Amino acid sequence: MSITTWILSSIILILVILLGIAIYGLYNSARKIMFYEEWYAVFEEHVVGMKQEIERIDELGAFEADDEVGYFFKALKEMVNDLYEMGFYETTPEDQG
């Protein structure tokens, strides 16, 4: 085996190893992206559901008017609204209640 053949074989082996590492990295990244896409979809459903439920519960504004419960309810409502807005949902003046 000549020196040229040995060098070319070494280069090809190194490239094959690097290709294998790259394929593994891409596979692992794609798997994680799919996991987080599914997680985000579930999270989105929960946030939208919580926002709708809070609006349904406090249609009359009774919780916001109560001093003790009102503080907790307002904080919870603001937190849900912040989560809702972080999801990049389009907000209208009706949503910003």
PDB file of N, CA and C in Angstrom:
ATOM      1  N   MET A   1       0.847  -1.161   0.000  1.00  0.00           N
ATOM      2  CA  MET A   1       0.000   0.000   0.000  1.00  0.00           C
ATOM      3  C   MET A   1       0.904   1.240   0.000  1.00  0.00           C
ATOM      4  N   SER A   2       0.675   2.079  -0.971  1.00  0.00           N
ATOM      5  CA  SER A   2       1.524   3.259  -1.089  1.00  0.00           C
ATOM      6  C   SER A   2       1.070   4.344  -0.123  1.00  0.00           C
ATOM      7  N   ILE A   3       1.918   5.315   0.061  1.00  0.00           N
ATOM      8  CA  ILE A   3       1.638   6.405   0.989  1.00  0.00           C
ATOM      9  C   ILE A   3       0.423   7.215   0.543  1.00  0.00           C
ATOM     10  N   THR A   4       0.250   7.394  -0.756  1.00  0.00           N
ATOM     11  CA  THR A   4      -0.893   8.146  -1.284  1.00  0.00           C
ATOM     12  C   THR A   4      -2.202   7.421  -0.983  1.00  0.00           C
ATOM     13  N   THR A   5      -2.225   6.125  -1.178  1.00  0.00           N
ATOM     14  CA  THR A   5      -3.415   5.327  -0.898  1.00  0.00           C
ATOM     15  C   THR A   5      -3.738   5.375   0.600  1.00  0.00           C
ATOM     16  N   TRP A   6      -2.704   5.299   1.417  1.00  0.00           N
ATOM     17  CA  TRP A   6      -2.901   5.338   2.872  1.00  0.00           C
ATOM     18  C   TRP A   6      -3.461   6.692   3.304  1.00  0.00           C
ATOM     19  N   ILE A   7      -2.968   7.781   2.747  1.00  0.00           N
ATOM     20  CA  ILE A   7      -3.447   9.122   3.092  1.00  0.00           C
ATOM     21  C   ILE A   7      -4.905   9.300   2.645  1.00  0.00           C
ATOM     22  N   LEU A   8      -5.210   8.864   1.417  1.00  0.00           N
ATOM     23  CA  LEU A   8      -6.589   8.971   0.924  1.00  0.00           C
ATOM     24  C   LEU A   8      -7.544   8.121   1.753  1.00  0.00           C
ATOM     25  N   SER A   9      -7.114   6.924   2.120  1.00  0.00           N
ATOM     26  CA  SER A   9      -7.953   6.060   2.950  1.00  0.00           C
ATOM     27  C   SER A   9      -8.195   6.703   4.312  1.00  0.00           C
ATOM     28  N   SER A  10      -7.179   7.318   4.881  1.00  0.00           N
ATOM     29  CA  SER A  10      -7.314   7.988   6.180  1.00  0.00           C
ATOM     30  C   SER A  10      -8.277   9.166   6.085  1.00  0.00           C
ATOM     31  N   ILE A  11      -8.162   9.947   5.019  1.00  0.00           N
ATOM     32  CA  ILE A  11      -9.051  11.088   4.821  1.00  0.00           C
ATOM     33  C   ILE A  11     -10.492  10.616   4.661  1.00  0.00           C
ATOM     34  N   ILE A  12     -10.704   9.574   3.882  1.00  0.00           N
ATOM     35  CA  ILE A  12     -12.055   9.042   3.678  1.00  0.00           C
ATOM     36  C   ILE A  12     -12.611   8.513   4.989  1.00  0.00           C
ATOM     37  N   LEU A  13     -11.791   7.826   5.768  1.00  0.00           N
ATOM     38  CA  LEU A  13     -12.238   7.309   7.060  1.00  0.00           C
ATOM     39  C   LEU A  13     -12.633   8.450   7.995  1.00  0.00           C
ATOM     40  N   ILE A  14     -11.827   9.494   8.037  1.00  0.00           N
ATOM     41  CA  ILE A  14     -12.136  10.649   8.875  1.00  0.00           C
ATOM     42  C   ILE A  14     -13.433  11.306   8.423  1.00  0.00           C
ATOM     43  N   LEU A  15     -13.621  11.467   7.129  1.00  0.00           N
ATOM     44  CA  LEU A  15     -14.852  12.071   6.608  1.00  0.00           C
ATOM     45  C   LEU A  15     -16.078  11.211   6.920  1.00  0.00           C
ATOM     46  N   VAL A  16     -15.938   9.896   6.836  1.00  0.00           N
ATOM     47  CA  VAL A  16     -17.052   8.998   7.154  1.00  0.00           C
ATOM     48  C   VAL A  16     -17.407   9.114   8.635  1.00  0.00           C
ATOM     49  N   ILE A  17     -16.399   9.189   9.486  1.00  0.00           N
ATOM     50  CA  ILE A  17     -16.646   9.342  10.920  1.00  0.00           C
ATOM     51  C   ILE A  17     -17.344  10.677  11.196  1.00  0.00           C
ATOM     52  N   LEU A  18     -16.866  11.760  10.582  1.00  0.00           N
ATOM     53  CA  LEU A  18     -17.496  13.070  10.754  1.00  0.00           C
ATOM     54  C   LEU A  18     -18.930  13.071  10.231  1.00  0.00           C
ATOM     55  N   LEU A  19     -19.169  12.392   9.115  1.00  0.00           N
ATOM     56  CA  LEU A  19     -20.522  12.287   8.577  1.00  0.00           C
ATOM     57  C   LEU A  19     -21.434  11.542   9.554  1.00  0.00           C
ATOM     58  N   GLY A  20     -20.926  10.479  10.137  1.00  0.00           N
ATOM     59  CA  GLY A  20     -21.705   9.729  11.125  1.00  0.00           C
ATOM     60  C   GLY A  20     -22.051  10.586  12.333  1.00  0.00           C
ATOM     61  N   ILE A  21     -21.083  11.364  12.807  1.00  0.00           N
ATOM     62  CA  ILE A  21     -21.335  12.256  13.938  1.00  0.00           C
ATOM     63  C   ILE A  21     -22.377  13.304  13.562  1.00  0.00           C
ATOM     64  N   ALA A  22     -22.276  13.864  12.363  1.00  0.00           N
ATOM     65  CA  ALA A  22     -23.228  14.871  11.908  1.00  0.00           C
ATOM     66  C   ALA A  22     -24.633  14.290  11.791  1.00  0.00           C
ATOM     67  N   ILE A  23     -24.748  13.090  11.249  1.00  0.00           N
ATOM     68  CA  ILE A  23     -26.060  12.446  11.115  1.00  0.00           C
ATOM     69  C   ILE A  23     -26.659  12.189  12.494  1.00  0.00           C
ATOM     70  N   TYR A  24     -25.848  11.701  13.425  1.00  0.00           N
ATOM     71  CA  TYR A  24     -26.341  11.469  14.784  1.00  0.00           C
ATOM     72  C   TYR A  24     -26.797  12.779  15.421  1.00  0.00           C
ATOM     73  N   GLY A  25     -26.032  13.838  15.255  1.00  0.00           N
ATOM     74  CA  GLY A  25     -26.400  15.138  15.819  1.00  0.00           C
ATOM     75  C   GLY A  25     -27.700  15.656  15.234  1.00  0.00           C
ATOM     76  N   LEU A  26     -27.873  15.531  13.928  1.00  0.00           N
ATOM     77  CA  LEU A  26     -29.111  15.974  13.287  1.00  0.00           C
ATOM     78  C   LEU A  26     -30.312  15.153  13.748  1.00  0.00           C
ATOM     79  N   TYR A  27     -30.119  13.857  13.865  1.00  0.00           N
ATOM     80  CA  TYR A  27     -31.201  12.984  14.334  1.00  0.00           C
ATOM     81  C   TYR A  27     -31.613  13.363  15.751  1.00  0.00           C
ATOM     82  N   ASN A  28     -30.612  13.547  16.603  1.00  0.00           N
ATOM     83  CA  ASN A  28     -30.892  13.898  17.995  1.00  0.00           C
ATOM     84  C   ASN A  28     -31.599  15.258  18.083  1.00  0.00           C
ATOM     85  N   SER A  29     -31.150  16.220  17.298  1.00  0.00           N
ATOM     86  CA  SER A  29     -31.778  17.547  17.289  1.00  0.00           C
ATOM     87  C   SER A  29     -33.215  17.468  16.774  1.00  0.00           C
ATOM     88  N   ALA A  30     -33.442  16.721  15.725  1.00  0.00           N
ATOM     89  CA  ALA A  30     -34.795  16.583  15.170  1.00  0.00           C
ATOM     90  C   ALA A  30     -35.725  15.928  16.189  1.00  0.00           C
ATOM     91  N   ARG A  31     -35.223  14.945  16.906  1.00  0.00           N
ATOM     92  CA  ARG A  31     -36.031  14.274  17.925  1.00  0.00           C
ATOM     93  C   ARG A  31     -36.418  15.248  19.037  1.00  0.00           C
ATOM     94  N   LYS A  32     -35.473  16.083  19.467  1.00  0.00           N
ATOM     95  CA  LYS A  32     -35.759  17.059  20.520  1.00  0.00           C
ATOM     96  C   LYS A  32     -36.736  18.121  20.029  1.00  0.00           C
ATOM     97  N   ILE A  33     -36.577  18.557  18.791  1.00  0.00           N
ATOM     98  CA  ILE A  33     -37.496  19.557  18.234  1.00  0.00           C
ATOM     99  C   ILE A  33     -38.911  19.007  18.188  1.00  0.00           C
ATOM    100  N   MET A  34     -39.072  17.752  17.774  1.00  0.00           N
ATOM    101  CA  MET A  34     -40.402  17.141  17.728  1.00  0.00           C
ATOM    102  C   MET A  34     -41.001  17.052  19.128  1.00  0.00           C
ATOM    103  N   PHE A  35     -40.183  16.710  20.135  1.00  0.00           N
ATOM    104  CA  PHE A  35     -40.662  16.631  21.512  1.00  0.00           C
ATOM    105  C   PHE A  35     -41.164  17.995  21.968  1.00  0.00           C
ATOM    106  N   TYR A  36     -40.378  19.040  21.723  1.00  0.00           N
ATOM    107  CA  TYR A  36     -40.773  20.366  22.183  1.00  0.00           C
ATOM    108  C   TYR A  36     -41.941  20.942  21.384  1.00  0.00           C
ATOM    109  N   GLU A  37     -42.101  20.553  20.132  1.00  0.00           N
ATOM    110  CA  GLU A  37     -43.284  20.973  19.378  1.00  0.00           C
ATOM    111  C   GLU A  37     -44.541  20.371  19.991  1.00  0.00           C
ATOM    112  N   GLU A  38     -44.467  19.102  20.365  1.00  0.00           N
ATOM    113  CA  GLU A  38     -45.617  18.462  21.006  1.00  0.00           C
ATOM    114  C   GLU A  38     -45.886  19.085  22.370  1.00  0.00           C
ATOM    115  N   TRP A  39     -44.818  19.343  23.140  1.00  0.00           N
ATOM    116  CA  TRP A  39     -44.961  19.963  24.451  1.00  0.00           C
ATOM    117  C   TRP A  39     -45.591  21.340  24.316  1.00  0.00           C
ATOM    118  N   TYR A  40     -45.167  22.120  23.338  1.00  0.00           N
ATOM    119  CA  TYR A  40     -45.695  23.467  23.142  1.00  0.00           C
ATOM    120  C   TYR A  40     -47.169  23.417  22.760  1.00  0.00           C
ATOM    121  N   ALA A  41     -47.549  22.442  21.950  1.00  0.00           N
ATOM    122  CA  ALA A  41     -48.960  22.326  21.557  1.00  0.00           C
ATOM    123  C   ALA A  41     -49.830  22.051  22.780  1.00  0.00           C
ATOM    124  N   VAL A  42     -49.380  21.180  23.661  1.00  0.00           N
ATOM    125  CA  VAL A  42     -50.131  20.883  24.885  1.00  0.00           C
ATOM    126  C   VAL A  42     -50.157  22.109  25.790  1.00  0.00           C
ATOM    127  N   PHE A  43     -49.016  22.783  25.915  1.00  0.00           N
ATOM    128  CA  PHE A  43     -48.922  23.992  26.735  1.00  0.00           C
ATOM    129  C   PHE A  43     -49.866  25.064  26.210  1.00  0.00           C
ATOM    130  N   GLU A  44     -49.921  25.201  24.902  1.00  0.00           N
ATOM    131  CA  GLU A  44     -50.803  26.182  24.278  1.00  0.00           C
ATOM    132  C   GLU A  44     -52.263  25.892  24.617  1.00  0.00           C
ATOM    133  N   GLU A  45     -52.644  24.625  24.529  1.00  0.00           N
ATOM    134  CA  GLU A  45     -54.023  24.256  24.860  1.00  0.00           C
ATOM    135  C   GLU A  45     -54.347  24.596  26.309  1.00  0.00           C
ATOM    136  N   HIS A  46     -53.402  24.331  27.214  1.00  0.00           N
ATOM    137  CA  HIS A  46     -53.627  24.620  28.628  1.00  0.00           C
ATOM    138  C   HIS A  46     -53.765  26.118  28.880  1.00  0.00           C
ATOM    139  N   VAL A  47     -52.902  26.913  28.273  1.00  0.00           N
ATOM    140  CA  VAL A  47     -52.946  28.361  28.505  1.00  0.00           C
ATOM    141  C   VAL A  47     -54.237  28.957  27.952  1.00  0.00           C
ATOM    142  N   VAL A  48     -54.601  28.562  26.750  1.00  0.00           N
ATOM    143  CA  VAL A  48     -55.844  29.070  26.161  1.00  0.00           C
ATOM    144  C   VAL A  48     -57.039  28.620  26.997  1.00  0.00           C
ATOM    145  N   GLY A  49     -57.028  27.376  27.449  1.00  0.00           N
ATOM    146  CA  GLY A  49     -58.110  26.878  28.297  1.00  0.00           C
ATOM    147  C   GLY A  49     -58.197  27.622  29.622  1.00  0.00           C
ATOM    148  N   MET A  50     -57.027  27.889  30.240  1.00  0.00           N
ATOM    149  CA  MET A  50     -57.026  28.634  31.505  1.00  0.00           C
ATOM    150  C   MET A  50     -57.568  30.042  31.308  1.00  0.00           C
ATOM    151  N   LYS A  51     -57.160  30.692  30.218  1.00  0.00           N
ATOM    152  CA  LYS A  51     -57.628  32.055  29.955  1.00  0.00           C
ATOM    153  C   LYS A  51     -59.141  32.074  29.774  1.00  0.00           C
ATOM    154  N   GLN A  52     -59.655  31.137  29.012  1.00  0.00           N
ATOM    155  CA  GLN A  52     -61.096  31.075  28.792  1.00  0.00           C
ATOM    156  C   GLN A  52     -61.840  30.751  30.085  1.00  0.00           C
ATOM    157  N   GLU A  53     -61.276  29.852  30.897  1.00  0.00           N
ATOM    158  CA  GLU A  53     -61.921  29.472  32.146  1.00  0.00           C
ATOM    159  C   GLU A  53     -61.932  30.634  33.134  1.00  0.00           C
ATOM    160  N   ILE A  54     -60.835  31.378  33.212  1.00  0.00           N
ATOM    161  CA  ILE A  54     -60.796  32.539  34.107  1.00  0.00           C
ATOM    162  C   ILE A  54     -61.815  33.580  33.669  1.00  0.00           C
ATOM    163  N   GLU A  55     -61.910  33.808  32.358  1.00  0.00           N
ATOM    164  CA  GLU A  55     -62.895  34.769  31.864  1.00  0.00           C
ATOM    165  C   GLU A  55     -64.311  34.290  32.144  1.00  0.00           C
ATOM    166  N   ARG A  56     -64.551  32.991  32.024  1.00  0.00           N
ATOM    167  CA  ARG A  56     -65.881  32.438  32.288  1.00  0.00           C
ATOM    168  C   ARG A  56     -66.232  32.547  33.765  1.00  0.00           C
ATOM    169  N   ILE A  57     -65.264  32.245  34.632  1.00  0.00           N
ATOM    170  CA  ILE A  57     -65.521  32.282  36.071  1.00  0.00           C
ATOM    171  C   ILE A  57     -65.836  33.694  36.540  1.00  0.00           C
ATOM    172  N   ASP A  58     -65.135  34.656  35.996  1.00  0.00           N
ATOM    173  CA  ASP A  58     -65.286  36.022  36.498  1.00  0.00           C
ATOM    174  C   ASP A  58     -66.068  36.915  35.539  1.00  0.00           C
ATOM    175  N   GLU A  59     -67.117  36.376  34.938  1.00  0.00           N
ATOM    176  CA  GLU A  59     -67.932  37.173  34.026  1.00  0.00           C
ATOM    177  C   GLU A  59     -68.534  38.391  34.719  1.00  0.00           C
ATOM    178  N   LEU A  60     -68.936  38.245  35.957  1.00  0.00           N
ATOM    179  CA  LEU A  60     -69.575  39.336  36.689  1.00  0.00           C
ATOM    180  C   LEU A  60     -68.578  40.216  37.429  1.00  0.00           C
ATOM    181  N   GLY A  61     -67.323  39.806  37.497  1.00  0.00           N
ATOM    182  CA  GLY A  61     -66.314  40.581  38.207  1.00  0.00           C
ATOM    183  C   GLY A  61     -66.377  40.390  39.708  1.00  0.00           C
ATOM    184  N   ALA A  62     -67.026  39.340  40.180  1.00  0.00           N
ATOM    185  CA  ALA A  62     -67.188  39.120  41.614  1.00  0.00           C
ATOM    186  C   ALA A  62     -65.860  38.802  42.293  1.00  0.00           C
ATOM    187  N   PHE A  63     -65.004  38.056  41.654  1.00  0.00           N
ATOM    188  CA  PHE A  63     -63.737  37.705  42.273  1.00  0.00           C
ATOM    189  C   PHE A  63     -62.809  38.911  42.377  1.00  0.00           C
ATOM    190  N   GLU A  64     -62.808  39.751  41.368  1.00  0.00           N
ATOM    191  CA  GLU A  64     -61.936  40.915  41.395  1.00  0.00           C
ATOM    192  C   GLU A  64     -62.394  41.921  42.453  1.00  0.00           C
ATOM    193  N   ALA A  65     -63.673  41.918  42.772  1.00  0.00           N
ATOM    194  CA  ALA A  65     -64.194  42.890  43.729  1.00  0.00           C
ATOM    195  C   ALA A  65     -63.893  42.489  45.176  1.00  0.00           C
ATOM    196  N   ASP A  66     -63.755  41.199  45.460  1.00  0.00           N
ATOM    197  CA  ASP A  66     -63.484  40.732  46.812  1.00  0.00           C
ATOM    198  C   ASP A  66     -62.036  41.063  47.177  1.00  0.00           C
ATOM    199  N   ASP A  67     -61.827  41.630  48.382  1.00  0.00           N
ATOM    200  CA  ASP A  67     -60.492  42.076  48.777  1.00  0.00           C
ATOM    201  C   ASP A  67     -59.493  40.926  48.891  1.00  0.00           C
ATOM    202  N   GLU A  68     -59.830  39.875  49.650  1.00  0.00           N
ATOM    203  CA  GLU A  68     -58.887  38.790  49.886  1.00  0.00           C
ATOM    204  C   GLU A  68     -58.687  37.923  48.651  1.00  0.00           C
ATOM    205  N   VAL A  69     -59.775  37.530  48.057  1.00  0.00           N
ATOM    206  CA  VAL A  69     -59.696  36.683  46.872  1.00  0.00           C
ATOM    207  C   VAL A  69     -59.280  37.508  45.659  1.00  0.00           C
ATOM    208  N   GLY A  70     -59.655  38.763  45.649  1.00  0.00           N
ATOM    209  CA  GLY A  70     -59.382  39.625  44.502  1.00  0.00           C
ATOM    210  C   GLY A  70     -57.908  39.774  44.202  1.00  0.00           C
ATOM    211  N   TYR A  71     -57.083  39.905  45.238  1.00  0.00           N
ATOM    212  CA  TYR A  71     -55.641  40.055  45.017  1.00  0.00           C
ATOM    213  C   TYR A  71     -55.070  38.823  44.334  1.00  0.00           C
ATOM    214  N   PHE A  72     -55.421  37.650  44.874  1.00  0.00           N
ATOM    215  CA  PHE A  72     -54.937  36.403  44.282  1.00  0.00           C
ATOM    216  C   PHE A  72     -55.470  36.223  42.867  1.00  0.00           C
ATOM    217  N   PHE A  73     -56.750  36.528  42.691  1.00  0.00           N
ATOM    218  CA  PHE A  73     -57.361  36.349  41.374  1.00  0.00           C
ATOM    219  C   PHE A  73     -56.730  37.279  40.341  1.00  0.00           C
ATOM    220  N   LYS A  74     -56.497  38.533  40.725  1.00  0.00           N
ATOM    221  CA  LYS A  74     -55.865  39.475  39.793  1.00  0.00           C
ATOM    222  C   LYS A  74     -54.459  39.029  39.424  1.00  0.00           C
ATOM    223  N   ALA A  75     -53.699  38.542  40.406  1.00  0.00           N
ATOM    224  CA  ALA A  75     -52.339  38.066  40.131  1.00  0.00           C
ATOM    225  C   ALA A  75     -52.374  36.857  39.208  1.00  0.00           C
ATOM    226  N   LEU A  76     -53.298  35.942  39.467  1.00  0.00           N
ATOM    227  CA  LEU A  76     -53.433  34.756  38.617  1.00  0.00           C
ATOM    228  C   LEU A  76     -53.860  35.147  37.208  1.00  0.00           C
ATOM    229  N   LYS A  77     -54.783  36.079  37.110  1.00  0.00           N
ATOM    230  CA  LYS A  77     -55.271  36.531  35.808  1.00  0.00           C
ATOM    231  C   LYS A  77     -54.158  37.211  35.017  1.00  0.00           C
ATOM    232  N   GLU A  78     -53.341  38.036  35.685  1.00  0.00           N
ATOM    233  CA  GLU A  78     -52.217  38.684  35.009  1.00  0.00           C
ATOM    234  C   GLU A  78     -51.185  37.655  34.543  1.00  0.00           C
ATOM    235  N   MET A  79     -50.948  36.651  35.376  1.00  0.00           N
ATOM    236  CA  MET A  79     -49.981  35.619  35.008  1.00  0.00           C
ATOM    237  C   MET A  79     -50.458  34.845  33.779  1.00  0.00           C
ATOM    238  N   VAL A  80     -51.715  34.485  33.751  1.00  0.00           N
ATOM    239  CA  VAL A  80     -52.264  33.761  32.596  1.00  0.00           C
ATOM    240  C   VAL A  80     -52.238  34.655  31.354  1.00  0.00           C
ATOM    241  N   ASN A  81     -52.563  35.930  31.515  1.00  0.00           N
ATOM    242  CA  ASN A  81     -52.506  36.847  30.369  1.00  0.00           C
ATOM    243  C   ASN A  81     -51.080  36.982  29.850  1.00  0.00           C
ATOM    244  N   ASP A  82     -50.097  37.045  30.768  1.00  0.00           N
ATOM    245  CA  ASP A  82     -48.699  37.115  30.341  1.00  0.00           C
ATOM    246  C   ASP A  82     -48.298  35.857  29.568  1.00  0.00           C
ATOM    247  N   LEU A  83     -48.698  34.701  30.072  1.00  0.00           N
ATOM    248  CA  LEU A  83     -48.409  33.458  29.364  1.00  0.00           C
ATOM    249  C   LEU A  83     -49.084  33.443  27.995  1.00  0.00           C
ATOM    250  N   TYR A  84     -50.302  33.942  27.955  1.00  0.00           N
ATOM    251  CA  TYR A  84     -51.060  33.976  26.706  1.00  0.00           C
ATOM    252  C   TYR A  84     -50.353  34.865  25.685  1.00  0.00           C
ATOM    253  N   GLU A  85     -49.888  36.031  26.142  1.00  0.00           N
ATOM    254  CA  GLU A  85     -49.215  36.952  25.233  1.00  0.00           C
ATOM    255  C   GLU A  85     -47.832  36.436  24.835  1.00  0.00           C
ATOM    256  N   MET A  86     -47.168  35.695  25.725  1.00  0.00           N
ATOM    257  CA  MET A  86     -45.863  35.122  25.383  1.00  0.00           C
ATOM    258  C   MET A  86     -45.987  34.093  24.268  1.00  0.00           C
ATOM    259  N   GLY A  87     -47.168  33.526  24.114  1.00  0.00           N
ATOM    260  CA  GLY A  87     -47.400  32.548  23.059  1.00  0.00           C
ATOM    261  C   GLY A  87     -47.580  33.194  21.707  1.00  0.00           C
ATOM    262  N   PHE A  88     -47.381  34.510  21.626  1.00  0.00           N
ATOM    263  CA  PHE A  88     -47.474  35.267  20.388  1.00  0.00           C
ATOM    264  C   PHE A  88     -48.861  35.205  19.766  1.00  0.00           C
ATOM    265  N   TYR A  89     -49.880  35.144  20.626  1.00  0.00           N
ATOM    266  CA  TYR A  89     -51.241  35.190  20.121  1.00  0.00           C
ATOM    267  C   TYR A  89     -51.567  36.633  19.803  1.00  0.00           C
ATOM    268  N   GLU A  90     -52.364  36.816  18.790  1.00  0.00           N
ATOM    269  CA  GLU A  90     -52.793  38.174  18.479  1.00  0.00           C
ATOM    270  C   GLU A  90     -53.788  38.607  19.555  1.00  0.00           C
ATOM    271  N   THR A  91     -53.527  39.763  20.144  1.00  0.00           N
ATOM    272  CA  THR A  91     -54.429  40.257  21.172  1.00  0.00           C
ATOM    273  C   THR A  91     -55.231  41.407  20.618  1.00  0.00           C
ATOM    274  N   THR A  92     -56.473  41.416  20.985  1.00  0.00           N
ATOM    275  CA  THR A  92     -57.373  42.498  20.604  1.00  0.00           C
ATOM    276  C   THR A  92     -57.748  43.223  21.886  1.00  0.00           C
ATOM    277  N   PRO A  93     -58.346  44.400  21.785  1.00  0.00           N
ATOM    278  CA  PRO A  93     -58.760  45.094  23.016  1.00  0.00           C
ATOM    279  C   PRO A  93     -59.680  44.258  23.891  1.00  0.00           C
ATOM    280  N   GLU A  94     -60.473  43.351  23.312  1.00  0.00           N
ATOM    281  CA  GLU A  94     -61.344  42.503  24.084  1.00  0.00           C
ATOM    282  C   GLU A  94     -60.548  41.535  24.952  1.00  0.00           C
ATOM    283  N   ASP A  95     -59.392  41.039  24.426  1.00  0.00           N
ATOM    284  CA  ASP A  95     -58.574  40.087  25.144  1.00  0.00           C
ATOM    285  C   ASP A  95     -57.807  40.708  26.295  1.00  0.00           C
ATOM    286  N   GLN A  96     -57.626  41.998  26.276  1.00  0.00           N
ATOM    287  CA  GLN A  96     -56.788  42.642  27.270  1.00  0.00           C
ATOM    288  C   GLN A  96     -57.591  43.151  28.457  1.00  0.00           C
ATOM    289  N   GLY A  97     -58.573  42.391  28.901  1.00  0.00           N
ATOM    290  CA  GLY A  97     -59.454  42.802  29.964  1.00  0.00           C
ATOM    291  C   GLY A  97     -58.898  42.702  31.294  1.00  0.00           C
TER     292      GLY A  97
END
